[in-house]
Amino acid sequence: MEEFPEILRILCSYLNESEIDYVVVGGVAVMYHGVPRTTVDIDLIIQSNDDEIPGFVEFLNSKGFDANVEDLRVALREKSHSTIFFADSLLRLDIQGVNSQFDRMTLDRAIAIELFNTTIKLGTAEDTLINKILFHGEQDLRDALGILSRRQPQLDIAYIESTCKKLKILDDWKRFLKESTAKIKNRE
């Protein structure tokens, strides 16, 4: 069970069956929205009750992860994240709770897709793009450019702009959009 798709499938199947509200974000969402890239982690935002954590951790450990109940509880309580590695590999889960209004919006707007024979709740293209602008690292901006260049006609620009305004990153979005539009035109 060491393959990335299989791990994503069993993880999301468990979360769906356990009725734990979640959304897969980060590199997996970027790839789904059309940007070819590699990733060794599955980034999740979860809304979990404290009493669901022991069962979730037990499930993860039964599948080869090195999870700890108290580590996950502390991460969720302290609005941090918990990194849980799979076996002796670089593959990992990065799990966080709903730590901000934007996390709540991303969770509430998640889209259900069928992938690897299971339903996966995934961040929308807009929320993935906003998240990449928010963190604005080098890889984040490449991801954002890829989403914009592949999905621009379908993107809800009004939503992106209003959300960026709420997050106080509207100037960053406008700068990114201007620079990216020029890059996209130069490629054509």
C-alpha atoms as a PDB file:
ATOM      1  CA  MET A   1       0.000   0.000   0.000  1.00  0.00           C
ATOM      2  CA  GLU A   2       2.915   2.361  -0.464  1.00  0.00           C
ATOM      3  CA  GLU A   3       1.604   4.079  -3.552  1.00  0.00           C
ATOM      4  CA  PHE A   4       0.461   7.666  -3.147  1.00  0.00           C
ATOM      5  CA  PRO A   5      -2.920   7.169  -4.893  1.00  0.00           C
ATOM      6  CA  GLU A   6      -3.735   4.180  -2.673  1.00  0.00           C
ATOM      7  CA  ILE A   7      -2.907   6.126   0.480  1.00  0.00           C
ATOM      8  CA  LEU A   8      -5.038   9.066  -0.659  1.00  0.00           C
ATOM      9  CA  ARG A   9      -7.887   6.677  -1.465  1.00  0.00           C
ATOM     10  CA  ILE A  10      -7.907   4.850   1.874  1.00  0.00           C
ATOM     11  CA  LEU A  11      -7.454   8.079   3.825  1.00  0.00           C
ATOM     12  CA  CYS A  12     -10.401   9.807   2.173  1.00  0.00           C
ATOM     13  CA  SER A  13     -12.522   6.643   2.347  1.00  0.00           C
ATOM     14  CA  TYR A  14     -11.957   6.536   6.111  1.00  0.00           C
ATOM     15  CA  LEU A  15     -12.771  10.233   6.550  1.00  0.00           C
ATOM     16  CA  ASN A  16     -15.918   9.876   4.420  1.00  0.00           C
ATOM     17  CA  GLU A  17     -17.123   6.774   6.279  1.00  0.00           C
ATOM     18  CA  SER A  18     -16.345   8.355   9.657  1.00  0.00           C
ATOM     19  CA  GLU A  19     -18.146  11.551   8.624  1.00  0.00           C
ATOM     20  CA  ILE A  20     -15.153  13.697   9.539  1.00  0.00           C
ATOM     21  CA  ASP A  21     -15.408  16.934   7.583  1.00  0.00           C
ATOM     22  CA  TYR A  22     -12.214  17.524   5.580  1.00  0.00           C
ATOM     23  CA  VAL A  23     -10.753  19.062   2.476  1.00  0.00           C
ATOM     24  CA  VAL A  24      -7.582  18.027   0.626  1.00  0.00           C
ATOM     25  CA  VAL A  25      -5.552  21.104  -0.282  1.00  0.00           C
ATOM     26  CA  GLY A  26      -1.972  21.825  -1.350  1.00  0.00           C
ATOM     27  CA  GLY A  27      -0.141  19.854  -4.018  1.00  0.00           C
ATOM     28  CA  VAL A  28      -2.911  17.298  -4.582  1.00  0.00           C
ATOM     29  CA  ALA A  29      -5.403  20.105  -5.289  1.00  0.00           C
ATOM     30  CA  VAL A  30      -2.889  21.857  -7.544  1.00  0.00           C
ATOM     31  CA  MET A  31      -2.389  18.668  -9.584  1.00  0.00           C
ATOM     32  CA  TYR A  32      -6.136  18.094  -9.895  1.00  0.00           C
ATOM     33  CA  HIS A  33      -6.626  21.641 -11.154  1.00  0.00           C
ATOM     34  CA  GLY A  34      -4.253  20.941 -14.025  1.00  0.00           C
ATOM     35  CA  VAL A  35      -0.727  21.716 -12.894  1.00  0.00           C
ATOM     36  CA  PRO A  36       1.687  18.828 -13.382  1.00  0.00           C
ATOM     37  CA  ARG A  37       3.944  18.552 -10.346  1.00  0.00           C
ATOM     38  CA  THR A  38       5.159  16.117  -7.758  1.00  0.00           C
ATOM     39  CA  THR A  39       4.362  16.045  -4.077  1.00  0.00           C
ATOM     40  CA  VAL A  40       5.188  13.764  -1.181  1.00  0.00           C
ATOM     41  CA  ASP A  41       2.539  15.047   1.177  1.00  0.00           C
ATOM     42  CA  ILE A  42      -1.209  15.122   1.512  1.00  0.00           C
ATOM     43  CA  ASP A  43      -2.339  18.392   3.054  1.00  0.00           C
ATOM     44  CA  LEU A  44      -5.640  18.226   4.911  1.00  0.00           C
ATOM     45  CA  ILE A  45      -7.857  20.647   6.754  1.00  0.00           C
ATOM     46  CA  ILE A  46     -10.162  18.715   9.065  1.00  0.00           C
ATOM     47  CA  GLN A  47     -13.036  19.599  11.361  1.00  0.00           C
ATOM     48  CA  SER A  48     -12.906  16.900  13.999  1.00  0.00           C
ATOM     49  CA  ASN A  49     -14.358  16.367  17.430  1.00  0.00           C
ATOM     50  CA  ASP A  50     -11.826  15.501  20.110  1.00  0.00           C
ATOM     51  CA  ASP A  51     -13.441  12.089  20.593  1.00  0.00           C
ATOM     52  CA  GLU A  52     -12.864  11.222  16.890  1.00  0.00           C
ATOM     53  CA  ILE A  53      -9.093  11.656  17.128  1.00  0.00           C
ATOM     54  CA  PRO A  54      -8.199   8.331  18.834  1.00  0.00           C
ATOM     55  CA  GLY A  55     -10.064   6.316  16.185  1.00  0.00           C
ATOM     56  CA  PHE A  56      -8.483   8.341  13.385  1.00  0.00           C
ATOM     57  CA  VAL A  57      -4.991   7.852  14.839  1.00  0.00           C
ATOM     58  CA  GLU A  58      -5.635   4.127  15.336  1.00  0.00           C
ATOM     59  CA  PHE A  59      -6.715   3.870  11.696  1.00  0.00           C
ATOM     60  CA  LEU A  60      -3.595   5.731  10.493  1.00  0.00           C
ATOM     61  CA  ASN A  61      -1.283   3.538  12.569  1.00  0.00           C
ATOM     62  CA  SER A  62      -2.992   0.400  11.245  1.00  0.00           C
ATOM     63  CA  LYS A  63      -2.118   1.555   7.713  1.00  0.00           C
ATOM     64  CA  GLY A  64       1.581   2.160   8.433  1.00  0.00           C
ATOM     65  CA  PHE A  65       1.620   5.771   9.588  1.00  0.00           C
ATOM     66  CA  ASP A  66       3.382   6.928  12.729  1.00  0.00           C
ATOM     67  CA  ALA A  67       0.577   8.954  14.330  1.00  0.00           C
ATOM     68  CA  ASN A  68       0.133  10.038  17.918  1.00  0.00           C
ATOM     69  CA  VAL A  69      -3.173  11.010  19.563  1.00  0.00           C
ATOM     70  CA  GLU A  70      -1.691  13.727  21.748  1.00  0.00           C
ATOM     71  CA  ASP A  71       0.360  15.273  18.914  1.00  0.00           C
ATOM     72  CA  LEU A  72      -2.750  15.585  16.739  1.00  0.00           C
ATOM     73  CA  ARG A  73      -4.853  16.932  19.615  1.00  0.00           C
ATOM     74  CA  VAL A  74      -2.240  19.567  20.459  1.00  0.00           C
ATOM     75  CA  ALA A  75      -1.884  20.625  16.823  1.00  0.00           C
ATOM     76  CA  LEU A  76      -5.627  21.064  16.432  1.00  0.00           C
ATOM     77  CA  ARG A  77      -6.008  22.823  19.769  1.00  0.00           C
ATOM     78  CA  GLU A  78      -3.053  25.175  19.187  1.00  0.00           C
ATOM     79  CA  LYS A  79      -4.068  25.962  15.590  1.00  0.00           C
ATOM     80  CA  SER A  80      -0.898  24.410  14.275  1.00  0.00           C
ATOM     81  CA  HIS A  81      -0.453  21.320  12.113  1.00  0.00           C
ATOM     82  CA  SER A  82       0.575  17.738  12.664  1.00  0.00           C
ATOM     83  CA  THR A  83       2.984  16.010  10.294  1.00  0.00           C
ATOM     84  CA  ILE A  84       2.467  12.264  10.196  1.00  0.00           C
ATOM     85  CA  PHE A  85       4.939  10.153   8.232  1.00  0.00           C
ATOM     86  CA  PHE A  86       4.136   6.939   6.393  1.00  0.00           C
ATOM     87  CA  ALA A  87       6.416   4.019   7.305  1.00  0.00           C
ATOM     88  CA  ASP A  88      10.060   4.759   6.504  1.00  0.00           C
ATOM     89  CA  SER A  89       9.284   7.008   3.562  1.00  0.00           C
ATOM     90  CA  LEU A  90       9.135  10.710   2.835  1.00  0.00           C
ATOM     91  CA  LEU A  91       5.386  10.447   2.270  1.00  0.00           C
ATOM     92  CA  ARG A  92       3.497  12.308   4.941  1.00  0.00           C
ATOM     93  CA  LEU A  93       0.195  13.808   5.966  1.00  0.00           C
ATOM     94  CA  ASP A  94       0.105  17.444   7.031  1.00  0.00           C
ATOM     95  CA  ILE A  95      -3.095  17.846   9.020  1.00  0.00           C
ATOM     96  CA  GLN A  96      -4.481  21.057  10.430  1.00  0.00           C
ATOM     97  CA  GLY A  97      -7.796  22.123  11.845  1.00  0.00           C
ATOM     98  CA  VAL A  98      -9.985  25.025  10.812  1.00  0.00           C
ATOM     99  CA  ASN A  99      -7.672  27.791  11.990  1.00  0.00           C
ATOM    100  CA  SER A 100      -9.072  30.811  10.153  1.00  0.00           C
ATOM    101  CA  GLN A 101     -12.092  32.176   8.328  1.00  0.00           C
ATOM    102  CA  PHE A 102     -10.380  31.235   5.055  1.00  0.00           C
ATOM    103  CA  ASP A 103      -9.889  27.637   6.247  1.00  0.00           C
ATOM    104  CA  ARG A 104     -13.624  27.541   7.039  1.00  0.00           C
ATOM    105  CA  MET A 105     -14.459  28.897   3.589  1.00  0.00           C
ATOM    106  CA  THR A 106     -12.147  26.370   1.928  1.00  0.00           C
ATOM    107  CA  LEU A 107     -13.741  23.514   3.878  1.00  0.00           C
ATOM    108  CA  ASP A 108     -17.293  24.718   3.167  1.00  0.00           C
ATOM    109  CA  ARG A 109     -16.619  25.214  -0.553  1.00  0.00           C
ATOM    110  CA  ALA A 110     -14.829  21.875  -1.064  1.00  0.00           C
ATOM    111  CA  ILE A 111     -15.797  19.998  -4.201  1.00  0.00           C
ATOM    112  CA  ALA A 112     -16.446  16.262  -4.157  1.00  0.00           C
ATOM    113  CA  ILE A 113     -14.580  14.513  -6.962  1.00  0.00           C
ATOM    114  CA  GLU A 114     -14.249  10.858  -7.887  1.00  0.00           C
ATOM    115  CA  LEU A 115     -10.608   9.886  -7.973  1.00  0.00           C
ATOM    116  CA  PHE A 116      -8.939   6.508  -7.433  1.00  0.00           C
ATOM    117  CA  ASN A 117     -12.386   4.900  -7.024  1.00  0.00           C
ATOM    118  CA  THR A 118     -13.384   7.036  -4.059  1.00  0.00           C
ATOM    119  CA  THR A 119     -14.912  10.398  -3.305  1.00  0.00           C
ATOM    120  CA  ILE A 120     -12.328  12.989  -2.362  1.00  0.00           C
ATOM    121  CA  LYS A 121     -13.255  16.417  -0.999  1.00  0.00           C
ATOM    122  CA  LEU A 122     -10.875  18.831  -2.662  1.00  0.00           C
ATOM    123  CA  GLY A 123     -10.195  22.563  -2.464  1.00  0.00           C
ATOM    124  CA  THR A 124     -11.670  24.523  -5.367  1.00  0.00           C
ATOM    125  CA  ALA A 125      -9.402  26.038  -8.002  1.00  0.00           C
ATOM    126  CA  GLU A 126     -10.179  29.496  -6.611  1.00  0.00           C
ATOM    127  CA  ASP A 127      -9.386  28.594  -3.003  1.00  0.00           C
ATOM    128  CA  THR A 128      -6.227  26.760  -4.041  1.00  0.00           C
ATOM    129  CA  LEU A 129      -5.105  29.794  -6.034  1.00  0.00           C
ATOM    130  CA  ILE A 130      -5.872  32.180  -3.145  1.00  0.00           C
ATOM    131  CA  ASN A 131      -3.956  29.953  -0.734  1.00  0.00           C
ATOM    132  CA  LYS A 132      -0.937  30.026  -3.036  1.00  0.00           C
ATOM    133  CA  ILE A 133      -1.079  33.838  -3.238  1.00  0.00           C
ATOM    134  CA  LEU A 134      -1.459  34.020   0.545  1.00  0.00           C
ATOM    135  CA  PHE A 135       1.719  32.015   1.178  1.00  0.00           C
ATOM    136  CA  HIS A 136       3.517  33.342  -1.943  1.00  0.00           C
ATOM    137  CA  GLY A 137       6.592  31.115  -1.807  1.00  0.00           C
ATOM    138  CA  GLU A 138       8.413  30.364  -5.049  1.00  0.00           C
ATOM    139  CA  GLN A 139       6.639  27.018  -5.583  1.00  0.00           C
ATOM    140  CA  ASP A 140       3.328  28.554  -4.468  1.00  0.00           C
ATOM    141  CA  LEU A 141       3.543  31.243  -7.139  1.00  0.00           C
ATOM    142  CA  ARG A 142       4.458  28.688  -9.825  1.00  0.00           C
ATOM    143  CA  ASP A 143       1.429  26.648  -8.764  1.00  0.00           C
ATOM    144  CA  ALA A 144      -0.799  29.734  -8.852  1.00  0.00           C
ATOM    145  CA  LEU A 145       0.467  30.647 -12.333  1.00  0.00           C
ATOM    146  CA  GLY A 146      -0.248  27.110 -13.523  1.00  0.00           C
ATOM    147  CA  ILE A 147      -3.814  27.191 -12.188  1.00  0.00           C
ATOM    148  CA  LEU A 148      -4.428  30.631 -13.650  1.00  0.00           C
ATOM    149  CA  SER A 149      -3.061  29.701 -17.078  1.00  0.00           C
ATOM    150  CA  ARG A 150      -5.090  26.470 -17.255  1.00  0.00           C
ATOM    151  CA  ARG A 151      -8.323  27.553 -15.549  1.00  0.00           C
ATOM    152  CA  GLN A 152      -8.642  31.311 -16.093  1.00  0.00           C
ATOM    153  CA  PRO A 153     -11.871  31.238 -18.133  1.00  0.00           C
ATOM    154  CA  GLN A 154     -13.613  29.091 -15.495  1.00  0.00           C
ATOM    155  CA  LEU A 155     -12.339  30.949 -12.413  1.00  0.00           C
ATOM    156  CA  ASP A 156     -14.711  33.048 -10.317  1.00  0.00           C
ATOM    157  CA  ILE A 157     -12.567  36.193 -10.332  1.00  0.00           C
ATOM    158  CA  ALA A 158     -15.093  38.167  -8.252  1.00  0.00           C
ATOM    159  CA  TYR A 159     -14.862  35.552  -5.493  1.00  0.00           C
ATOM    160  CA  ILE A 160     -11.053  35.556  -5.668  1.00  0.00           C
ATOM    161  CA  GLU A 161     -10.915  39.349  -5.410  1.00  0.00           C
ATOM    162  CA  SER A 162     -13.436  39.603  -2.561  1.00  0.00           C
ATOM    163  CA  THR A 163     -11.652  36.857  -0.613  1.00  0.00           C
ATOM    164  CA  CYS A 164      -8.241  38.414  -1.205  1.00  0.00           C
ATOM    165  CA  LYS A 165      -9.676  41.708   0.048  1.00  0.00           C
ATOM    166  CA  LYS A 166     -10.906  39.972   3.252  1.00  0.00           C
ATOM    167  CA  LEU A 167      -7.463  38.402   3.686  1.00  0.00           C
ATOM    168  CA  LYS A 168      -5.763  41.755   3.073  1.00  0.00           C
ATOM    169  CA  ILE A 169      -3.838  40.392   0.082  1.00  0.00           C
ATOM    170  CA  LEU A 170      -5.757  42.158  -2.701  1.00  0.00           C
ATOM    171  CA  ASP A 171      -2.647  44.102  -3.767  1.00  0.00           C
ATOM    172  CA  ASP A 172      -0.686  40.827  -3.918  1.00  0.00           C
ATOM    173  CA  TRP A 173      -3.430  39.291  -6.075  1.00  0.00           C
ATOM    174  CA  LYS A 174      -3.522  42.280  -8.448  1.00  0.00           C
ATOM    175  CA  ARG A 175       0.276  42.267  -8.791  1.00  0.00           C
ATOM    176  CA  PHE A 176       0.278  38.501  -9.377  1.00  0.00           C
ATOM    177  CA  LEU A 177      -2.537  38.782 -11.937  1.00  0.00           C
ATOM    178  CA  LYS A 178      -0.769  41.548 -13.858  1.00  0.00           C
ATOM    179  CA  GLU A 179       2.592  39.720 -13.908  1.00  0.00           C
ATOM    180  CA  SER A 180       0.991  36.366 -14.713  1.00  0.00           C
ATOM    181  CA  THR A 181      -1.135  37.741 -17.542  1.00  0.00           C
ATOM    182  CA  ALA A 182       2.033  39.097 -19.141  1.00  0.00           C
ATOM    183  CA  LYS A 183       3.808  35.736 -18.731  1.00  0.00           C
ATOM    184  CA  ILE A 184       0.849  33.851 -20.203  1.00  0.00           C
ATOM    185  CA  LYS A 185       0.701  36.203 -23.232  1.00  0.00           C
ATOM    186  CA  ASN A 186       4.445  35.818 -23.816  1.00  0.00           C
ATOM    187  CA  ARG A 187       3.995  32.022 -23.988  1.00  0.00           C
ATOM    188  CA  GLU A 188       1.379  32.319 -26.719  1.00  0.00           C
END
